[in-house]
Amino acid sequence: MGLLDVARQAEQVQLGRDVNMSRHGMLNDDTPLQRAQYGGMYGSLMQDPADKARMERQMMEDTLAMMPMAGMTTYHGSPHIFNKFRMDKVGTGEGAQAYGHGLYLAENPNVAKEYQRNTAQYRAKIDGKEAQFPGADNETLDALTQWFGSRPKGATIGQYLKDLAPYRNKEDRLLENSAFYLERAADRYGHGAKISPAKNSNFYKVDLPDDQIKNMLDWDKPIKDQKHIMKLLDDKFVDGDLALRQMGVDPSAHGDKLYFQLGGGYKAPAVSQALREWGIPGIKYLDEGSRRAGQGTRNFVVFDENIPQILERNQQPIGGLLGK
């Protein structure tokens, strides 16, 4: 929706208000009704300067109210396909969670692309259909899919078994299991069935609202210098400085000390939940490339799955601007 369309909608809202006021005797003329009959941008036809100024002020307020919330464009790399983030899936990507428990987003797209490469998972199709290996444990499946990814496309099950044959006596459990499940697949699909490896790798473009970013705990700055955080702590505990000291955290310490002190470690869902309840929606920290310089682009750890809104997956829009 363009700004002009928004303005027109705001005008119609104001027109409705004026018409209603006229019906109840709150306006001394019928100019709103006349304007409705004649159409057009009625604000420019108003004769009363005070009435015109009031209308323009209201139009601006309505326009701003209808405009989308400003936000930062961030990026996320993942082996998984989804339309919305979910906190119960945290840790199923790279799984490190080195900067707290939450959803990881990057301001620098190259950082997200690196995560995309690092978390890519191999999957396989047999004769064009997703391969199934009933009974295989996760370690065996991982070994199989990595094996598929290291071989030429279109190799047959028989060729894979032939490649594995020299290793059968090496007492390697994963190789033995891989061969076993390949033999079962050969019985099901045939030795001549072709395996086509495919790498699951997805790149997401995500909107992160500015009003959420400003309330995030900065990992790299003294807590006492983070005015938004201190205000949230004051609102929660009356005296944020005193509350920090009672938690065993020096207010001059950086943000990571608060997270660590609350949970004794960084992979702490309960700490993220507590901070979220205090009004702190996440963590922001300098990415690896910027950390060396002490400034630059940042990564974000979000504690609430409803905050980030997916805009695109692999350059394809996802359900409009709201990621529905």
Protein backbone atom coordinates (compact mmCIF):
# COMPACT_ATOMS: atom_id res chain seq x y z
CA MET A 1 0.00 0.00 0.00
CA GLY A 2 1.42 3.36 -1.02
CA LEU A 3 1.52 6.42 1.19
CA LEU A 4 -1.14 8.07 -0.99
CA ASP A 5 -3.48 5.10 -0.48
CA VAL A 6 -2.91 5.32 3.26
CA ALA A 7 -3.66 9.05 3.20
CA ARG A 8 -6.88 8.45 1.29
CA GLN A 9 -7.95 5.87 3.83
CA ALA A 10 -7.18 8.33 6.62
CA GLU A 11 -9.25 10.95 4.79
CA GLN A 12 -12.22 8.61 4.61
CA VAL A 13 -11.88 7.88 8.33
CA GLN A 14 -11.94 11.60 9.08
CA LEU A 15 -14.85 12.16 6.71
CA GLY A 16 -16.85 9.52 8.56
CA ARG A 17 -16.12 11.25 11.86
CA ASP A 18 -17.18 14.64 10.50
CA VAL A 19 -20.40 13.20 9.05
CA ASN A 20 -21.24 11.59 12.37
CA MET A 21 -20.53 14.83 14.24
CA SER A 22 -22.74 16.76 11.81
CA ARG A 23 -25.63 14.36 12.38
CA HIS A 24 -25.40 14.96 16.12
CA GLY A 25 -25.23 18.75 15.79
CA MET A 26 -21.57 18.94 16.68
CA LEU A 27 -20.75 20.75 13.45
CA ASN A 28 -22.68 23.86 12.38
CA ASP A 29 -22.64 23.14 8.66
CA ASP A 30 -23.12 20.24 6.30
CA THR A 31 -19.79 20.66 4.56
CA PRO A 32 -18.74 17.02 5.31
CA LEU A 33 -21.84 15.80 3.45
CA GLN A 34 -21.21 18.22 0.61
CA ARG A 35 -17.60 17.08 0.41
CA ALA A 36 -18.75 13.47 0.27
CA GLN A 37 -21.03 14.34 -2.65
CA TYR A 38 -18.37 16.18 -4.60
CA GLY A 39 -15.49 13.79 -3.70
CA GLY A 40 -11.85 14.69 -4.11
CA MET A 41 -9.29 15.70 -1.51
CA TYR A 42 -11.79 17.59 0.58
CA GLY A 43 -9.23 18.99 3.01
CA SER A 44 -8.06 21.48 0.39
CA LEU A 45 -11.64 22.82 -0.03
CA MET A 46 -12.23 23.67 3.60
CA GLN A 47 -12.92 27.32 4.29
CA ASP A 48 -12.41 27.35 8.08
CA PRO A 49 -8.62 27.42 8.81
CA ALA A 50 -9.10 25.93 12.27
CA ASP A 51 -11.23 23.12 10.88
CA LYS A 52 -8.69 22.48 8.12
CA ALA A 53 -5.77 22.39 10.60
CA ARG A 54 -7.66 19.96 12.83
CA MET A 55 -8.42 17.71 9.87
CA GLU A 56 -4.82 17.73 8.65
CA ARG A 57 -3.52 16.89 12.13
CA GLN A 58 -5.97 14.01 12.47
CA MET A 59 -5.12 12.78 8.97
CA MET A 60 -1.42 12.68 9.84
CA GLU A 61 -2.12 10.73 13.05
CA ASP A 62 -4.30 8.23 11.19
CA THR A 63 -1.69 7.89 8.46
CA LEU A 64 1.09 7.15 10.95
CA ALA A 65 -1.13 4.67 12.78
CA MET A 66 -1.75 2.72 9.58
CA MET A 67 1.87 2.66 8.44
CA PRO A 68 3.82 -0.55 9.22
CA MET A 69 6.20 -0.58 12.20
CA ALA A 70 9.78 0.19 11.26
CA GLY A 71 12.24 -2.63 11.65
CA MET A 72 15.69 -3.91 10.74
CA THR A 73 16.14 -6.46 7.99
CA THR A 74 18.03 -9.44 9.37
CA TYR A 75 18.95 -12.88 8.03
CA HIS A 76 18.87 -16.50 9.16
CA GLY A 77 20.44 -19.65 7.71
CA SER A 78 18.90 -23.06 8.40
CA PRO A 79 18.59 -26.59 6.99
CA HIS A 80 14.87 -26.49 7.82
CA ILE A 81 11.89 -25.16 5.88
CA PHE A 82 9.33 -23.14 7.85
CA ASN A 83 7.10 -20.08 7.59
CA LYS A 84 7.34 -19.01 11.23
CA PHE A 85 9.97 -19.29 13.95
CA ARG A 86 9.29 -21.64 16.87
CA MET A 87 11.05 -21.60 20.21
CA ASP A 88 10.57 -25.36 20.64
CA LYS A 89 12.87 -25.85 17.63
CA VAL A 90 15.77 -23.90 19.16
CA GLY A 91 18.98 -25.92 18.91
CA THR A 92 18.01 -27.93 15.82
CA GLY A 93 20.29 -25.87 13.56
CA GLU A 94 23.93 -25.50 14.47
CA GLY A 95 22.97 -25.98 18.11
CA ALA A 96 25.82 -24.04 19.72
CA GLN A 97 23.64 -21.42 21.49
CA ALA A 98 26.86 -19.68 22.52
CA TYR A 99 25.15 -16.36 23.21
CA GLY A 100 22.06 -17.56 25.01
CA HIS A 101 18.96 -19.62 24.34
CA GLY A 102 16.87 -18.18 21.53
CA LEU A 103 16.38 -17.58 17.82
CA TYR A 104 19.54 -16.37 16.09
CA LEU A 105 19.44 -13.64 13.44
CA ALA A 106 22.25 -11.74 11.70
CA GLU A 107 22.39 -8.15 10.55
CA ASN A 108 25.09 -9.12 8.03
CA PRO A 109 23.70 -11.50 5.36
CA ASN A 110 27.13 -13.09 4.93
CA VAL A 111 27.05 -14.25 8.56
CA ALA A 112 23.70 -15.95 7.98
CA LYS A 113 25.00 -17.53 4.77
CA GLU A 114 27.87 -19.03 6.74
CA TYR A 115 25.37 -20.57 9.17
CA GLN A 116 23.42 -21.78 6.15
CA ARG A 117 26.50 -23.60 4.85
CA ASN A 118 27.46 -24.97 8.26
CA THR A 119 24.01 -26.35 9.02
CA ALA A 120 23.23 -27.78 5.58
CA GLN A 121 21.95 -31.34 5.77
CA TYR A 122 22.13 -33.97 3.07
CA ARG A 123 18.98 -35.79 2.14
CA ALA A 124 18.49 -38.33 -0.61
CA LYS A 125 15.85 -39.31 -3.13
CA ILE A 126 15.62 -42.77 -4.63
CA ASP A 127 14.14 -42.77 -8.13
CA GLY A 128 12.78 -39.29 -7.48
CA LYS A 129 11.09 -40.05 -4.15
CA GLU A 130 12.36 -39.28 -0.66
CA ALA A 131 14.45 -42.19 0.57
CA GLN A 132 13.18 -44.05 3.62
CA PHE A 133 15.36 -46.17 5.91
CA PRO A 134 12.97 -47.58 8.57
CA GLY A 135 14.67 -48.48 11.82
CA ALA A 136 17.91 -46.58 11.19
CA ASP A 137 19.11 -44.46 14.13
CA ASN A 138 20.06 -40.82 13.69
CA GLU A 139 23.81 -41.51 13.61
CA THR A 140 23.37 -44.03 10.80
CA LEU A 141 21.09 -41.70 8.88
CA ASP A 142 23.66 -38.91 9.21
CA ALA A 143 26.41 -41.26 7.98
CA LEU A 144 24.27 -42.37 5.04
CA THR A 145 23.31 -38.87 3.98
CA GLN A 146 26.90 -37.65 4.20
CA TRP A 147 27.96 -40.66 2.13
CA PHE A 148 25.34 -39.84 -0.48
CA GLY A 149 26.49 -36.25 -0.61
CA SER A 150 30.08 -37.27 -1.30
CA ARG A 151 29.26 -39.37 -4.38
CA PRO A 152 28.28 -38.43 -7.94
CA LYS A 153 24.64 -37.65 -8.56
CA GLY A 154 22.54 -40.47 -9.93
CA ALA A 155 24.63 -43.37 -8.61
CA THR A 156 22.64 -46.55 -8.02
CA ILE A 157 22.14 -48.38 -4.74
CA GLY A 158 24.27 -51.18 -6.18
CA GLN A 159 27.13 -48.75 -6.83
CA TYR A 160 26.94 -47.40 -3.30
CA LEU A 161 27.07 -50.95 -1.91
CA LYS A 162 30.07 -51.69 -4.11
CA ASP A 163 31.83 -48.57 -2.77
CA LEU A 164 31.13 -49.66 0.79
CA ALA A 165 32.31 -53.25 0.29
CA PRO A 166 36.04 -52.62 1.05
CA TYR A 167 35.14 -51.21 4.45
CA ARG A 168 32.86 -54.03 5.62
CA ASN A 169 35.61 -55.72 7.64
CA LYS A 170 36.88 -52.61 9.33
CA GLU A 171 34.62 -53.12 12.35
CA ASP A 172 33.18 -49.66 11.87
CA ARG A 173 29.66 -49.76 13.29
CA LEU A 174 28.36 -46.82 11.24
CA LEU A 175 29.70 -48.27 7.99
CA GLU A 176 28.25 -51.67 8.82
CA ASN A 177 24.90 -50.11 9.65
CA SER A 178 25.00 -48.01 6.50
CA ALA A 179 25.63 -51.10 4.38
CA PHE A 180 22.89 -53.01 6.19
CA TYR A 181 20.25 -50.35 5.53
CA LEU A 182 21.42 -49.92 1.94
CA GLU A 183 20.93 -53.64 1.41
CA ARG A 184 17.42 -53.36 2.79
CA ALA A 185 16.82 -50.40 0.45
CA ALA A 186 18.11 -52.54 -2.45
CA ASP A 187 15.55 -55.20 -1.57
CA ARG A 188 12.81 -52.56 -1.55
CA TYR A 189 13.81 -50.38 -4.51
CA GLY A 190 16.14 -52.63 -6.51
CA HIS A 191 19.93 -52.46 -7.00
CA GLY A 192 19.45 -50.31 -10.09
CA ALA A 193 17.47 -47.58 -8.28
CA LYS A 194 19.23 -44.23 -8.51
CA ILE A 195 20.05 -42.18 -5.44
CA SER A 196 20.02 -38.43 -5.92
CA PRO A 197 21.58 -36.54 -3.00
CA ALA A 198 20.08 -33.16 -2.17
CA LYS A 199 21.34 -30.63 0.32
CA ASN A 200 18.75 -28.98 2.56
CA SER A 201 19.89 -25.39 2.89
CA ASN A 202 17.66 -22.34 3.34
CA PHE A 203 18.25 -18.61 3.62
CA TYR A 204 15.69 -16.41 5.36
CA LYS A 205 15.14 -12.67 5.22
CA VAL A 206 13.53 -11.53 8.47
CA ASP A 207 12.06 -8.29 9.83
CA LEU A 208 13.11 -7.45 13.41
CA PRO A 209 11.21 -4.44 14.88
CA ASP A 210 13.31 -1.51 16.05
CA ASP A 211 11.33 -1.15 19.28
CA GLN A 212 12.37 -4.70 20.21
CA ILE A 213 16.03 -4.20 19.31
CA LYS A 214 16.35 -1.14 21.54
CA ASN A 215 15.25 -3.16 24.58
CA MET A 216 17.67 -6.03 23.96
CA LEU A 217 20.52 -6.73 26.36
CA ASP A 218 23.80 -5.67 24.75
CA TRP A 219 26.31 -8.46 25.31
CA ASP A 220 29.29 -6.18 24.76
CA LYS A 221 28.46 -3.05 26.79
CA PRO A 222 28.36 -2.27 30.54
CA ILE A 223 24.87 -2.86 31.86
CA LYS A 224 24.76 0.51 33.66
CA ASP A 225 25.35 2.27 30.31
CA GLN A 226 22.36 0.55 28.71
CA LYS A 227 19.63 3.05 29.58
CA HIS A 228 16.74 0.99 28.23
CA ILE A 229 17.84 -2.05 30.22
CA MET A 230 18.27 -0.06 33.44
CA LYS A 231 14.81 1.45 32.98
CA LEU A 232 13.29 -2.01 32.53
CA LEU A 233 15.09 -3.19 35.66
CA ASP A 234 13.88 -0.12 37.57
CA ASP A 235 10.31 -0.83 36.41
CA LYS A 236 10.60 -4.45 37.51
CA PHE A 237 12.57 -4.11 40.76
CA VAL A 238 12.12 -0.39 41.67
CA ASP A 239 15.92 0.01 41.92
CA GLY A 240 17.65 -1.73 39.02
CA ASP A 241 21.15 -0.98 40.25
CA LEU A 242 20.42 -2.51 43.66
CA ALA A 243 18.68 -5.50 42.07
CA LEU A 244 21.75 -6.25 39.94
CA ARG A 245 24.02 -6.17 42.99
CA GLN A 246 21.68 -8.49 44.86
CA MET A 247 21.92 -10.90 41.93
CA GLY A 248 25.69 -10.79 42.27
CA VAL A 249 26.16 -8.73 39.11
CA ASP A 250 28.31 -5.59 39.07
CA PRO A 251 26.33 -2.93 37.12
CA SER A 252 29.57 -1.96 35.36
CA ALA A 253 29.93 -5.52 34.00
CA HIS A 254 28.97 -6.28 30.42
CA GLY A 255 25.62 -7.78 29.51
CA ASP A 256 26.92 -11.34 29.19
CA LYS A 257 27.65 -11.38 32.95
CA LEU A 258 23.97 -10.85 33.74
CA TYR A 259 22.89 -13.76 31.56
CA PHE A 260 25.62 -16.04 32.90
CA GLN A 261 25.03 -15.12 36.55
CA LEU A 262 21.29 -15.80 36.33
CA GLY A 263 21.70 -19.28 34.92
CA GLY A 264 25.26 -20.38 35.46
CA GLY A 265 25.71 -20.85 31.72
CA TYR A 266 24.61 -19.67 28.29
CA LYS A 267 22.31 -22.52 27.16
CA ALA A 268 19.64 -21.58 29.66
CA PRO A 269 16.00 -21.46 28.49
CA ALA A 270 14.87 -20.39 31.97
CA VAL A 271 17.15 -17.33 31.88
CA SER A 272 15.85 -16.26 28.48
CA GLN A 273 12.29 -16.68 29.74
CA ALA A 274 13.01 -14.63 32.87
CA LEU A 275 14.58 -11.78 30.88
CA ARG A 276 11.64 -11.84 28.51
CA GLU A 277 9.26 -11.47 31.47
CA TRP A 278 11.29 -8.44 32.61
CA GLY A 279 10.64 -6.83 29.21
CA ILE A 280 14.02 -7.76 27.68
CA PRO A 281 13.14 -9.50 24.38
CA GLY A 282 16.60 -10.73 23.44
CA ILE A 283 20.36 -10.22 23.20
CA LYS A 284 22.44 -8.29 20.67
CA TYR A 285 26.16 -8.77 20.16
CA LEU A 286 28.85 -7.92 17.63
CA ASP A 287 29.38 -10.66 15.06
CA GLU A 288 32.80 -12.27 14.73
CA GLY A 289 34.02 -9.96 11.98
CA SER A 290 32.95 -6.83 13.86
CA ARG A 291 34.15 -8.03 17.26
CA ARG A 292 37.79 -7.64 16.22
CA ALA A 293 37.18 -3.97 15.39
CA GLY A 294 34.91 -3.36 18.38
CA GLN A 295 32.12 -2.04 16.14
CA GLY A 296 30.09 -2.97 13.10
CA THR A 297 27.23 -5.38 12.41
CA ARG A 298 25.50 -7.43 15.07
CA ASN A 299 23.77 -10.72 15.64
CA PHE A 300 20.57 -11.05 17.64
CA VAL A 301 19.18 -13.73 19.94
CA VAL A 302 15.39 -13.39 20.19
CA PHE A 303 13.47 -14.89 23.13
CA ASP A 304 9.97 -14.66 21.62
CA GLU A 305 8.98 -16.55 18.45
CA ASN A 306 6.34 -13.91 17.63
CA ILE A 307 8.82 -11.03 17.34
CA PRO A 308 10.74 -11.90 14.13
CA GLN A 309 8.59 -11.92 10.99
CA ILE A 310 9.82 -13.89 7.97
CA LEU A 311 9.75 -11.88 4.76
CA GLU A 312 11.43 -14.26 2.33
CA ARG A 313 12.80 -17.79 2.12
CA ASN A 314 15.40 -18.30 -0.59
CA GLN A 315 14.33 -14.96 -2.15
CA GLN A 316 10.68 -16.04 -2.34
CA PRO A 317 8.10 -13.98 -0.37
CA ILE A 318 6.47 -15.82 2.51
CA GLY A 319 2.82 -14.93 3.06
CA GLY A 320 3.18 -11.19 2.51
CA LEU A 321 5.00 -8.85 4.88
CA LEU A 322 3.82 -10.57 8.07
CA GLY A 323 5.32 -13.99 7.36
CA LYS A 324 2.00 -15.76 7.84
